Structures are given as structure tokens and as C-alpha cells.
Amino acid sequence: EIVIEINTLYDLGIDIFGSADIFNKWLEKPNPFFENKKPVTFLNTSTGIHYVFEELKRIEFGTTA
């Protein structure tokens, strides 16, 4: 199940950022939305994956703060 969620997350991230390389760099960069933690640190659980997915959807629709 987590593999499917990660694949879905990566598909969205690549669509938003234009490449896997840029998306991976975003995942590795501390982010204020995640209390200055790297988004990649949340990808070890289904809940964390959904948390990152929600932020990607906000970016996609331009609703980030």
C-alpha cells in the first residue's frame, strides 16, 4: 500500500515540479510548512505521505502560505 502511495506522490511531484530531480531536491530541503523539516522525513508512514501529498496539492493550486 505504501509503495502505491509513494508512486502516486511522485507522479504528482513530478507533474508539479517538472522533473524527478527537482522534486527530489524539494523533498530534501527544509520546508516551513513542515516546521522546517525535510518533507522526505515524512515518507515512512501512510499518514506522513498524505501530509506531504496535501502540501503538494496546495502548491498545485497556489494555496500555500
C-alpha atoms as a PDB file:
ATOM      1  CA  GLU A   1       0.000   0.000   0.000  1.00  0.00           C
ATOM      2  CA  ILE A   2       2.783   2.449   0.889  1.00  0.00           C
ATOM      3  CA  VAL A   3       4.536   1.741  -2.416  1.00  0.00           C
ATOM      4  CA  ILE A   4       1.387   2.752  -4.299  1.00  0.00           C
ATOM      5  CA  GLU A   5       1.076   5.910  -2.194  1.00  0.00           C
ATOM      6  CA  ILE A   6       4.734   6.814  -2.837  1.00  0.00           C
ATOM      7  CA  ASN A   7       4.255   6.250  -6.584  1.00  0.00           C
ATOM      8  CA  THR A   8       1.179   8.490  -6.567  1.00  0.00           C
ATOM      9  CA  LEU A   9       3.069  11.135  -4.596  1.00  0.00           C
ATOM     10  CA  TYR A  10       5.995  11.029  -7.038  1.00  0.00           C
ATOM     11  CA  ASP A  11       3.668  11.273 -10.032  1.00  0.00           C
ATOM     12  CA  LEU A  12       2.138  14.430  -8.567  1.00  0.00           C
ATOM     13  CA  GLY A  13       5.506  15.861  -7.528  1.00  0.00           C
ATOM     14  CA  ILE A  14       6.960  15.339 -10.993  1.00  0.00           C
ATOM     15  CA  ASP A  15       3.880  16.929 -12.575  1.00  0.00           C
ATOM     16  CA  ILE A  16       4.206  19.966 -10.313  1.00  0.00           C
ATOM     17  CA  PHE A  17       7.983  20.422 -10.416  1.00  0.00           C
ATOM     18  CA  GLY A  18       8.581  19.199 -13.953  1.00  0.00           C
ATOM     19  CA  SER A  19      11.178  16.536 -13.166  1.00  0.00           C
ATOM     20  CA  ALA A  20      12.047  13.888 -10.608  1.00  0.00           C
ATOM     21  CA  ASP A  21      15.349  15.656  -9.906  1.00  0.00           C
ATOM     22  CA  ILE A  22      13.689  18.942  -8.939  1.00  0.00           C
ATOM     23  CA  PHE A  23      11.032  17.126  -6.902  1.00  0.00           C
ATOM     24  CA  ASN A  24      13.713  15.145  -5.046  1.00  0.00           C
ATOM     25  CA  LYS A  25      15.532  18.393  -4.249  1.00  0.00           C
ATOM     26  CA  TRP A  26      12.266  19.822  -2.854  1.00  0.00           C
ATOM     27  CA  LEU A  27      11.834  16.691  -0.715  1.00  0.00           C
ATOM     28  CA  GLU A  28      15.353  17.134   0.720  1.00  0.00           C
ATOM     29  CA  LYS A  29      15.053  20.851   1.522  1.00  0.00           C
ATOM     30  CA  PRO A  30      13.760  22.002   4.954  1.00  0.00           C
ATOM     31  CA  ASN A  31      10.291  23.434   4.496  1.00  0.00           C
ATOM     32  CA  PRO A  32       8.443  25.931   6.745  1.00  0.00           C
ATOM     33  CA  PHE A  33       5.152  24.062   6.180  1.00  0.00           C
ATOM     34  CA  PHE A  34       6.737  21.021   7.813  1.00  0.00           C
ATOM     35  CA  GLU A  35       8.181  23.051  10.728  1.00  0.00           C
ATOM     36  CA  ASN A  36      11.473  23.352   8.825  1.00  0.00           C
ATOM     37  CA  LYS A  37      11.820  19.584   8.498  1.00  0.00           C
ATOM     38  CA  LYS A  38      12.568  17.940   5.185  1.00  0.00           C
ATOM     39  CA  PRO A  39       9.410  16.544   3.543  1.00  0.00           C
ATOM     40  CA  VAL A  40      11.283  13.282   2.879  1.00  0.00           C
ATOM     41  CA  THR A  41      11.282  12.586   6.638  1.00  0.00           C
ATOM     42  CA  PHE A  42       7.503  12.068   6.480  1.00  0.00           C
ATOM     43  CA  LEU A  43       7.541   9.411   3.769  1.00  0.00           C
ATOM     44  CA  ASN A  44       7.958   6.411   6.050  1.00  0.00           C
ATOM     45  CA  THR A  45       4.263   6.206   7.015  1.00  0.00           C
ATOM     46  CA  SER A  46       0.979   6.417   5.162  1.00  0.00           C
ATOM     47  CA  THR A  47      -0.056   9.387   7.322  1.00  0.00           C
ATOM     48  CA  GLY A  48       3.176  11.207   6.507  1.00  0.00           C
ATOM     49  CA  ILE A  49       2.803  10.531   2.799  1.00  0.00           C
ATOM     50  CA  HIS A  50      -0.696  12.019   2.898  1.00  0.00           C
ATOM     51  CA  TYR A  51       0.679  15.041   4.787  1.00  0.00           C
ATOM     52  CA  VAL A  52       3.228  15.685   2.017  1.00  0.00           C
ATOM     53  CA  PHE A  53       0.611  14.972  -0.663  1.00  0.00           C
ATOM     54  CA  GLU A  54      -1.676  17.631   0.843  1.00  0.00           C
ATOM     55  CA  GLU A  55       1.111  20.218   0.653  1.00  0.00           C
ATOM     56  CA  LEU A  56       1.790  19.286  -2.971  1.00  0.00           C
ATOM     57  CA  LYS A  57      -1.897  19.804  -3.759  1.00  0.00           C
ATOM     58  CA  ARG A  58      -1.718  23.257  -2.120  1.00  0.00           C
ATOM     59  CA  ILE A  59       1.309  24.082  -4.271  1.00  0.00           C
ATOM     60  CA  GLU A  60      -0.503  22.806  -7.361  1.00  0.00           C
ATOM     61  CA  PHE A  61      -3.460  25.090  -6.723  1.00  0.00           C
ATOM     62  CA  GLY A  62      -1.429  28.029  -5.429  1.00  0.00           C
ATOM     63  CA  THR A  63      -2.813  27.996  -1.898  1.00  0.00           C
ATOM     64  CA  THR A  64       0.447  27.817   0.067  1.00  0.00           C
ATOM     65  CA  ALA A  65       1.005  30.425   2.741  1.00  0.00           C
END
